[in-house]
Amino acid sequence: MANAVKNARRFLGELLYERRYRVQTNGNIILDAHDAENIFYIAMNWRQLRRALPPRSVTRQDVFLDIGSGMGRAVLTAAAEYPFARVIGVELCRELHEVAQRNLATTRRRLRCRDVELVCADVRDYRIPDDVTVIFINNSIRGSLFTGMLTDLSASMKRNPRTVRLIYGNPLEEDALLASGEWRKVRTVMARRSRSTWPYGATCVYETTGAQAQAEGQQAATPRATA
């Protein structure tokens, strides 16, 4: 009975948000492009991002990137409820990307941030922009894709040292993230009434100041004395 009530409340909550923005972002979908490292699509909870990232912690200088943006739910939330300078979504599957484009076209006039970009690309080929300061991943990539993303982000922070926050839903690759030595966990938010086993049901916030990348970048740029 308790599970039935919980599921009904979740369904009604999802329905209200979908109607509010006049979009379609719900569902769990497995497509041919997904594999063991590109996880199947599952939309985040509409309140997940707000609980992990308070809007007051975001400024007009921040840039948001969703890796595995699917039908665009996190992108729309970031653009509608936060003062981001720019919002970007990257999605591998053309089918989901096209749904996200339709959703964006439907609700663009209601968005707080008008500079929204949806990219259909493999994360292997996508270079993280050097102004991104908030990254959202809802367990969309694993294994070598995740470590490759960390390598690309580290290179970006060397080019432009800055504070970056990572909002990570179901953080199955947390060990790889923390092992890099560039990140620290600052907060964990559990899904309400969740009975899931860690890390499922958790959304963790990690932060790096870019200090290590800055030091390495300065060291590389310092001319060596000649004999």
C-alpha atoms as a PDB file:
ATOM      1  CA  MET A   1       0.000   0.000   0.000  1.00  0.00           C
ATOM      2  CA  ALA A   2       2.795   2.428   0.922  1.00  0.00           C
ATOM      3  CA  ASN A   3       4.554   1.794  -2.395  1.00  0.00           C
ATOM      4  CA  ALA A   4       1.320   2.377  -4.292  1.00  0.00           C
ATOM      5  CA  VAL A   5       0.809   5.740  -2.572  1.00  0.00           C
ATOM      6  CA  LYS A   6       4.432   6.717  -3.217  1.00  0.00           C
ATOM      7  CA  ASN A   7       4.199   5.784  -6.898  1.00  0.00           C
ATOM      8  CA  ALA A   8       0.903   7.650  -7.271  1.00  0.00           C
ATOM      9  CA  ARG A   9       2.370  10.803  -5.743  1.00  0.00           C
ATOM     10  CA  ARG A  10       5.406  10.568  -7.976  1.00  0.00           C
ATOM     11  CA  PHE A  11       3.229  10.082 -11.051  1.00  0.00           C
ATOM     12  CA  LEU A  12       1.054  13.087 -10.189  1.00  0.00           C
ATOM     13  CA  GLY A  13       4.119  15.222  -9.497  1.00  0.00           C
ATOM     14  CA  GLU A  14       5.640  14.245 -12.833  1.00  0.00           C
ATOM     15  CA  LEU A  15       2.354  14.976 -14.596  1.00  0.00           C
ATOM     16  CA  LEU A  16       2.070  18.445 -13.060  1.00  0.00           C
ATOM     17  CA  TYR A  17       5.565  19.403 -14.155  1.00  0.00           C
ATOM     18  CA  GLU A  18       5.038  18.017 -17.643  1.00  0.00           C
ATOM     19  CA  ARG A  19       1.826  20.035 -17.998  1.00  0.00           C
ATOM     20  CA  ARG A  20       3.418  23.136 -16.488  1.00  0.00           C
ATOM     21  CA  TYR A  21       6.128  23.234 -19.148  1.00  0.00           C
ATOM     22  CA  ARG A  22       4.047  21.498 -21.850  1.00  0.00           C
ATOM     23  CA  VAL A  23       6.798  18.967 -22.505  1.00  0.00           C
ATOM     24  CA  GLN A  24       7.374  15.216 -22.708  1.00  0.00           C
ATOM     25  CA  THR A  25      10.421  14.094 -20.720  1.00  0.00           C
ATOM     26  CA  ASN A  26       9.203  11.054 -18.798  1.00  0.00           C
ATOM     27  CA  GLY A  27      10.037   7.390 -19.285  1.00  0.00           C
ATOM     28  CA  ASN A  28      12.806   4.802 -19.104  1.00  0.00           C
ATOM     29  CA  ILE A  29      14.155   4.002 -22.562  1.00  0.00           C
ATOM     30  CA  ILE A  30      16.788   1.631 -23.919  1.00  0.00           C
ATOM     31  CA  LEU A  31      17.951   2.474 -27.440  1.00  0.00           C
ATOM     32  CA  ASP A  32      20.423   0.821 -29.796  1.00  0.00           C
ATOM     33  CA  ALA A  33      23.040   3.515 -29.155  1.00  0.00           C
ATOM     34  CA  HIS A  34      23.180   2.663 -25.457  1.00  0.00           C
ATOM     35  CA  ASP A  35      25.608   0.073 -24.168  1.00  0.00           C
ATOM     36  CA  ALA A  36      27.426  -0.892 -20.954  1.00  0.00           C
ATOM     37  CA  GLU A  37      29.104   2.527 -20.756  1.00  0.00           C
ATOM     38  CA  ASN A  38      26.309   4.648 -22.243  1.00  0.00           C
ATOM     39  CA  ILE A  39      23.555   3.899 -19.744  1.00  0.00           C
ATOM     40  CA  PHE A  40      19.903   3.732 -20.813  1.00  0.00           C
ATOM     41  CA  TYR A  41      17.785   6.874 -20.502  1.00  0.00           C
ATOM     42  CA  ILE A  42      15.933   7.543 -17.276  1.00  0.00           C
ATOM     43  CA  ALA A  43      14.687  11.023 -16.492  1.00  0.00           C
ATOM     44  CA  MET A  44      15.768  12.644 -13.246  1.00  0.00           C
ATOM     45  CA  ASN A  45      13.172  13.609 -10.667  1.00  0.00           C
ATOM     46  CA  TRP A  46      11.967  17.137 -11.399  1.00  0.00           C
ATOM     47  CA  ARG A  47      13.029  18.270  -7.894  1.00  0.00           C
ATOM     48  CA  GLN A  48      16.387  16.462  -7.934  1.00  0.00           C
ATOM     49  CA  LEU A  49      18.480  19.319  -9.284  1.00  0.00           C
ATOM     50  CA  ARG A  50      16.945  21.976  -7.032  1.00  0.00           C
ATOM     51  CA  ARG A  51      17.548  19.861  -3.929  1.00  0.00           C
ATOM     52  CA  ALA A  52      21.195  19.282  -4.824  1.00  0.00           C
ATOM     53  CA  LEU A  53      21.951  22.729  -6.234  1.00  0.00           C
ATOM     54  CA  PRO A  54      20.168  25.620  -4.460  1.00  0.00           C
ATOM     55  CA  PRO A  55      19.326  28.356  -7.004  1.00  0.00           C
ATOM     56  CA  ARG A  56      20.894  30.992  -4.739  1.00  0.00           C
ATOM     57  CA  SER A  57      24.267  29.264  -5.204  1.00  0.00           C
ATOM     58  CA  VAL A  58      24.230  29.996  -8.954  1.00  0.00           C
ATOM     59  CA  THR A  59      25.200  33.330 -10.524  1.00  0.00           C
ATOM     60  CA  ARG A  60      24.941  34.837 -13.990  1.00  0.00           C
ATOM     61  CA  GLN A  61      28.556  33.867 -14.586  1.00  0.00           C
ATOM     62  CA  ASP A  62      27.833  30.134 -14.231  1.00  0.00           C
ATOM     63  CA  VAL A  63      27.445  27.803 -17.207  1.00  0.00           C
ATOM     64  CA  PHE A  64      25.534  24.505 -16.934  1.00  0.00           C
ATOM     65  CA  LEU A  65      26.314  21.284 -18.828  1.00  0.00           C
ATOM     66  CA  ASP A  66      24.175  18.128 -18.757  1.00  0.00           C
ATOM     67  CA  ILE A  67      26.033  15.050 -20.026  1.00  0.00           C
ATOM     68  CA  GLY A  68      23.407  12.586 -21.207  1.00  0.00           C
ATOM     69  CA  SER A  69      20.632  15.158 -21.470  1.00  0.00           C
ATOM     70  CA  GLY A  70      18.030  12.797 -22.929  1.00  0.00           C
ATOM     71  CA  MET A  71      14.703  14.508 -23.524  1.00  0.00           C
ATOM     72  CA  GLY A  72      15.989  17.654 -21.861  1.00  0.00           C
ATOM     73  CA  ARG A  73      14.474  17.616 -18.386  1.00  0.00           C
ATOM     74  CA  ALA A  74      17.606  18.785 -16.510  1.00  0.00           C
ATOM     75  CA  VAL A  75      18.368  21.312 -19.243  1.00  0.00           C
ATOM     76  CA  LEU A  76      14.879  22.792 -19.004  1.00  0.00           C
ATOM     77  CA  THR A  77      15.029  22.871 -15.201  1.00  0.00           C
ATOM     78  CA  ALA A  78      18.402  24.612 -15.235  1.00  0.00           C
ATOM     79  CA  ALA A  79      17.240  27.168 -17.802  1.00  0.00           C
ATOM     80  CA  ALA A  80      13.874  27.803 -16.138  1.00  0.00           C
ATOM     81  CA  GLU A  81      14.829  27.968 -12.456  1.00  0.00           C
ATOM     82  CA  TYR A  82      18.416  29.267 -12.365  1.00  0.00           C
ATOM     83  CA  PRO A  83      20.182  32.445 -13.549  1.00  0.00           C
ATOM     84  CA  PHE A  84      22.739  30.552 -15.651  1.00  0.00           C
ATOM     85  CA  ALA A  85      24.543  32.510 -18.354  1.00  0.00           C
ATOM     86  CA  ARG A  86      24.325  29.480 -20.632  1.00  0.00           C
ATOM     87  CA  VAL A  87      22.829  25.978 -20.511  1.00  0.00           C
ATOM     88  CA  ILE A  88      24.088  23.058 -22.633  1.00  0.00           C
ATOM     89  CA  GLY A  89      22.798  19.525 -23.060  1.00  0.00           C
ATOM     90  CA  VAL A  90      24.770  16.739 -24.769  1.00  0.00           C
ATOM     91  CA  GLU A  91      22.965  13.571 -25.832  1.00  0.00           C
ATOM     92  CA  LEU A  92      24.191  10.557 -27.800  1.00  0.00           C
ATOM     93  CA  CYS A  93      20.852   9.304 -29.163  1.00  0.00           C
ATOM     94  CA  ARG A  94      19.318  11.199 -32.043  1.00  0.00           C
ATOM     95  CA  GLU A  95      15.781  10.141 -31.062  1.00  0.00           C
ATOM     96  CA  LEU A  96      16.071  11.610 -27.557  1.00  0.00           C
ATOM     97  CA  HIS A  97      17.874  14.697 -28.860  1.00  0.00           C
ATOM     98  CA  GLU A  98      15.014  15.442 -31.255  1.00  0.00           C
ATOM     99  CA  VAL A  99      12.450  15.120 -28.454  1.00  0.00           C
ATOM    100  CA  ALA A 100      14.536  17.544 -26.378  1.00  0.00           C
ATOM    101  CA  GLN A 101      14.585  19.994 -29.286  1.00  0.00           C
ATOM    102  CA  ARG A 102      10.790  19.889 -29.506  1.00  0.00           C
ATOM    103  CA  ASN A 103      10.504  20.376 -25.748  1.00  0.00           C
ATOM    104  CA  LEU A 104      12.840  23.365 -25.883  1.00  0.00           C
ATOM    105  CA  ALA A 105      10.893  24.936 -28.755  1.00  0.00           C
ATOM    106  CA  THR A 106       7.666  24.559 -26.781  1.00  0.00           C
ATOM    107  CA  THR A 107       8.889  26.201 -23.598  1.00  0.00           C
ATOM    108  CA  ARG A 108      11.730  28.536 -24.653  1.00  0.00           C
ATOM    109  CA  ARG A 109       9.744  31.730 -23.977  1.00  0.00           C
ATOM    110  CA  ARG A 110       9.229  30.677 -20.361  1.00  0.00           C
ATOM    111  CA  LEU A 111      12.896  30.093 -19.628  1.00  0.00           C
ATOM    112  CA  ARG A 112      14.953  32.345 -17.388  1.00  0.00           C
ATOM    113  CA  CYS A 113      18.098  31.561 -19.368  1.00  0.00           C
ATOM    114  CA  ARG A 114      17.550  32.083 -23.097  1.00  0.00           C
ATOM    115  CA  ASP A 115      20.979  30.841 -24.230  1.00  0.00           C
ATOM    116  CA  VAL A 116      20.281  27.095 -24.419  1.00  0.00           C
ATOM    117  CA  GLU A 117      22.180  24.721 -26.694  1.00  0.00           C
ATOM    118  CA  LEU A 118      21.346  21.079 -27.377  1.00  0.00           C
ATOM    119  CA  VAL A 119      24.134  18.988 -28.896  1.00  0.00           C
ATOM    120  CA  CYS A 120      23.754  15.510 -30.386  1.00  0.00           C
ATOM    121  CA  ALA A 121      27.191  13.970 -29.970  1.00  0.00           C
ATOM    122  CA  ASP A 122      29.153  11.101 -28.490  1.00  0.00           C
ATOM    123  CA  VAL A 123      30.824  12.270 -25.288  1.00  0.00           C
ATOM    124  CA  ARG A 124      34.056  10.747 -26.654  1.00  0.00           C
ATOM    125  CA  ASP A 125      34.074  13.429 -29.342  1.00  0.00           C
ATOM    126  CA  TYR A 126      32.680  16.301 -27.286  1.00  0.00           C
ATOM    127  CA  ARG A 127      35.070  18.813 -25.715  1.00  0.00           C
ATOM    128  CA  ILE A 128      33.859  20.430 -22.511  1.00  0.00           C
ATOM    129  CA  PRO A 129      33.731  24.228 -22.974  1.00  0.00           C
ATOM    130  CA  ASP A 130      36.227  26.138 -20.861  1.00  0.00           C
ATOM    131  CA  ASP A 131      33.528  28.277 -19.228  1.00  0.00           C
ATOM    132  CA  VAL A 132      31.428  25.391 -17.810  1.00  0.00           C
ATOM    133  CA  THR A 133      31.128  25.622 -14.011  1.00  0.00           C
ATOM    134  CA  VAL A 134      28.287  23.179 -13.211  1.00  0.00           C
ATOM    135  CA  ILE A 135      28.071  19.666 -14.675  1.00  0.00           C
ATOM    136  CA  PHE A 136      25.086  17.357 -14.195  1.00  0.00           C
ATOM    137  CA  ILE A 137      25.319  13.604 -14.784  1.00  0.00           C
ATOM    138  CA  ASN A 138      22.418  11.313 -13.924  1.00  0.00           C
ATOM    139  CA  ASN A 139      24.541   8.134 -14.183  1.00  0.00           C
ATOM    140  CA  SER A 140      24.531   8.467 -17.969  1.00  0.00           C
ATOM    141  CA  ILE A 141      28.100   7.265 -18.599  1.00  0.00           C
ATOM    142  CA  ARG A 142      30.325   4.653 -17.010  1.00  0.00           C
ATOM    143  CA  GLY A 143      33.818   3.159 -17.237  1.00  0.00           C
ATOM    144  CA  SER A 144      36.173   4.566 -19.835  1.00  0.00           C
ATOM    145  CA  LEU A 145      33.630   7.191 -20.900  1.00  0.00           C
ATOM    146  CA  PHE A 146      33.484   8.576 -17.376  1.00  0.00           C
ATOM    147  CA  THR A 147      37.269   8.630 -16.920  1.00  0.00           C
ATOM    148  CA  GLY A 148      37.639  10.183 -20.364  1.00  0.00           C
ATOM    149  CA  MET A 149      35.217  12.917 -19.345  1.00  0.00           C
ATOM    150  CA  LEU A 150      37.300  13.561 -16.205  1.00  0.00           C
ATOM    151  CA  THR A 151      40.463  13.810 -18.302  1.00  0.00           C
ATOM    152  CA  ASP A 152      38.818  16.277 -20.672  1.00  0.00           C
ATOM    153  CA  LEU A 153      37.504  18.348 -17.768  1.00  0.00           C
ATOM    154  CA  SER A 154      40.919  18.381 -16.099  1.00  0.00           C
ATOM    155  CA  ALA A 155      42.450  19.695 -19.323  1.00  0.00           C
ATOM    156  CA  SER A 156      39.755  22.368 -19.515  1.00  0.00           C
ATOM    157  CA  MET A 157      40.514  23.501 -15.964  1.00  0.00           C
ATOM    158  CA  LYS A 158      44.203  23.781 -16.804  1.00  0.00           C
ATOM    159  CA  ARG A 159      43.352  26.051 -19.712  1.00  0.00           C
ATOM    160  CA  ASN A 160      40.948  28.107 -17.598  1.00  0.00           C
ATOM    161  CA  PRO A 161      41.367  27.521 -13.820  1.00  0.00           C
ATOM    162  CA  ARG A 162      38.001  27.856 -12.099  1.00  0.00           C
ATOM    163  CA  THR A 163      35.695  26.300  -9.536  1.00  0.00           C
ATOM    164  CA  VAL A 164      33.547  23.513 -11.005  1.00  0.00           C
ATOM    165  CA  ARG A 165      30.697  21.650  -9.327  1.00  0.00           C
ATOM    166  CA  LEU A 166      29.596  18.171 -10.384  1.00  0.00           C
ATOM    167  CA  ILE A 167      26.025  17.089  -9.575  1.00  0.00           C
ATOM    168  CA  TYR A 168      26.059  13.303  -9.881  1.00  0.00           C
ATOM    169  CA  GLY A 169      22.911  11.184  -9.627  1.00  0.00           C
ATOM    170  CA  ASN A 170      23.443   7.523  -8.640  1.00  0.00           C
ATOM    171  CA  PRO A 171      27.239   8.059  -8.432  1.00  0.00           C
ATOM    172  CA  LEU A 172      28.460   4.594  -9.399  1.00  0.00           C
ATOM    173  CA  GLU A 173      31.824   5.989 -10.512  1.00  0.00           C
ATOM    174  CA  GLU A 174      32.492   7.917  -7.302  1.00  0.00           C
ATOM    175  CA  ASP A 175      35.690   5.968  -6.581  1.00  0.00           C
ATOM    176  CA  ALA A 176      37.166   6.952  -9.958  1.00  0.00           C
ATOM    177  CA  LEU A 177      36.125  10.551  -9.403  1.00  0.00           C
ATOM    178  CA  LEU A 178      37.707  10.884  -5.957  1.00  0.00           C
ATOM    179  CA  ALA A 179      40.787   8.882  -6.982  1.00  0.00           C
ATOM    180  CA  SER A 180      41.684  11.648  -9.437  1.00  0.00           C
ATOM    181  CA  GLY A 181      42.605  13.818  -6.439  1.00  0.00           C
ATOM    182  CA  GLU A 182      40.935  16.866  -7.988  1.00  0.00           C
ATOM    183  CA  TRP A 183      37.523  16.531  -6.365  1.00  0.00           C
ATOM    184  CA  ARG A 184      35.968  16.526  -2.900  1.00  0.00           C
ATOM    185  CA  LYS A 185      32.436  15.562  -1.932  1.00  0.00           C
ATOM    186  CA  VAL A 186      30.549  18.440  -0.353  1.00  0.00           C
ATOM    187  CA  ARG A 187      26.989  17.117  -0.033  1.00  0.00           C
ATOM    188  CA  THR A 188      24.807  14.034  -0.450  1.00  0.00           C
ATOM    189  CA  VAL A 189      21.073  14.270  -1.075  1.00  0.00           C
ATOM    190  CA  MET A 190      19.008  11.109  -0.791  1.00  0.00           C
ATOM    191  CA  ALA A 191      15.739  10.609  -2.616  1.00  0.00           C
ATOM    192  CA  ARG A 192      12.869  11.103  -0.222  1.00  0.00           C
ATOM    193  CA  ARG A 193      11.474   7.878   1.224  1.00  0.00           C
ATOM    194  CA  SER A 194      14.059   5.976  -0.772  1.00  0.00           C
ATOM    195  CA  ARG A 195      14.903   2.421   0.297  1.00  0.00           C
ATOM    196  CA  SER A 196      17.492   1.999  -2.429  1.00  0.00           C
ATOM    197  CA  THR A 197      20.955   0.661  -1.669  1.00  0.00           C
ATOM    198  CA  TRP A 198      23.858   3.088  -2.049  1.00  0.00           C
ATOM    199  CA  PRO A 199      24.587   4.683  -4.435  1.00  0.00           C
ATOM    200  CA  TYR A 200      21.133   4.339  -5.981  1.00  0.00           C
ATOM    201  CA  GLY A 201      18.771   7.049  -4.842  1.00  0.00           C
ATOM    202  CA  ALA A 202      21.655   9.389  -3.983  1.00  0.00           C
ATOM    203  CA  THR A 203      22.613  12.619  -5.689  1.00  0.00           C
ATOM    204  CA  CYS A 204      26.063  13.807  -4.635  1.00  0.00           C
ATOM    205  CA  VAL A 205      27.666  17.184  -5.106  1.00  0.00           C
ATOM    206  CA  TYR A 206      31.410  17.328  -5.712  1.00  0.00           C
ATOM    207  CA  GLU A 207      33.565  20.390  -6.096  1.00  0.00           C
ATOM    208  CA  THR A 208      37.014  21.262  -7.306  1.00  0.00           C
ATOM    209  CA  THR A 209      38.600  24.665  -6.944  1.00  0.00           C
ATOM    210  CA  GLY A 210      40.866  24.148  -9.910  1.00  0.00           C
ATOM    211  CA  ALA A 211      43.863  24.934  -7.709  1.00  0.00           C
ATOM    212  CA  GLN A 212      45.741  21.780  -8.714  1.00  0.00           C
ATOM    213  CA  ALA A 213      45.054  22.370 -12.411  1.00  0.00           C
ATOM    214  CA  GLN A 214      46.109  25.996 -12.054  1.00  0.00           C
ATOM    215  CA  ALA A 215      49.390  25.024 -10.407  1.00  0.00           C
ATOM    216  CA  GLU A 216      50.112  22.475 -13.131  1.00  0.00           C
ATOM    217  CA  GLY A 217      49.245  24.988 -15.829  1.00  0.00           C
ATOM    218  CA  GLN A 218      51.529  27.618 -14.330  1.00  0.00           C
ATOM    219  CA  GLN A 219      54.346  25.109 -13.962  1.00  0.00           C
ATOM    220  CA  ALA A 220      54.010  24.116 -17.615  1.00  0.00           C
ATOM    221  CA  ALA A 221      54.024  27.772 -18.658  1.00  0.00           C
ATOM    222  CA  THR A 222      57.078  28.748 -16.590  1.00  0.00           C
ATOM    223  CA  PRO A 223      60.191  28.965 -18.811  1.00  0.00           C
ATOM    224  CA  ARG A 224      62.966  26.635 -17.738  1.00  0.00           C
ATOM    225  CA  ALA A 225      66.351  28.124 -16.997  1.00  0.00           C
ATOM    226  CA  THR A 226      68.990  27.249 -19.539  1.00  0.00           C
ATOM    227  CA  ALA A 227      72.501  26.244 -18.619  1.00  0.00           C
END
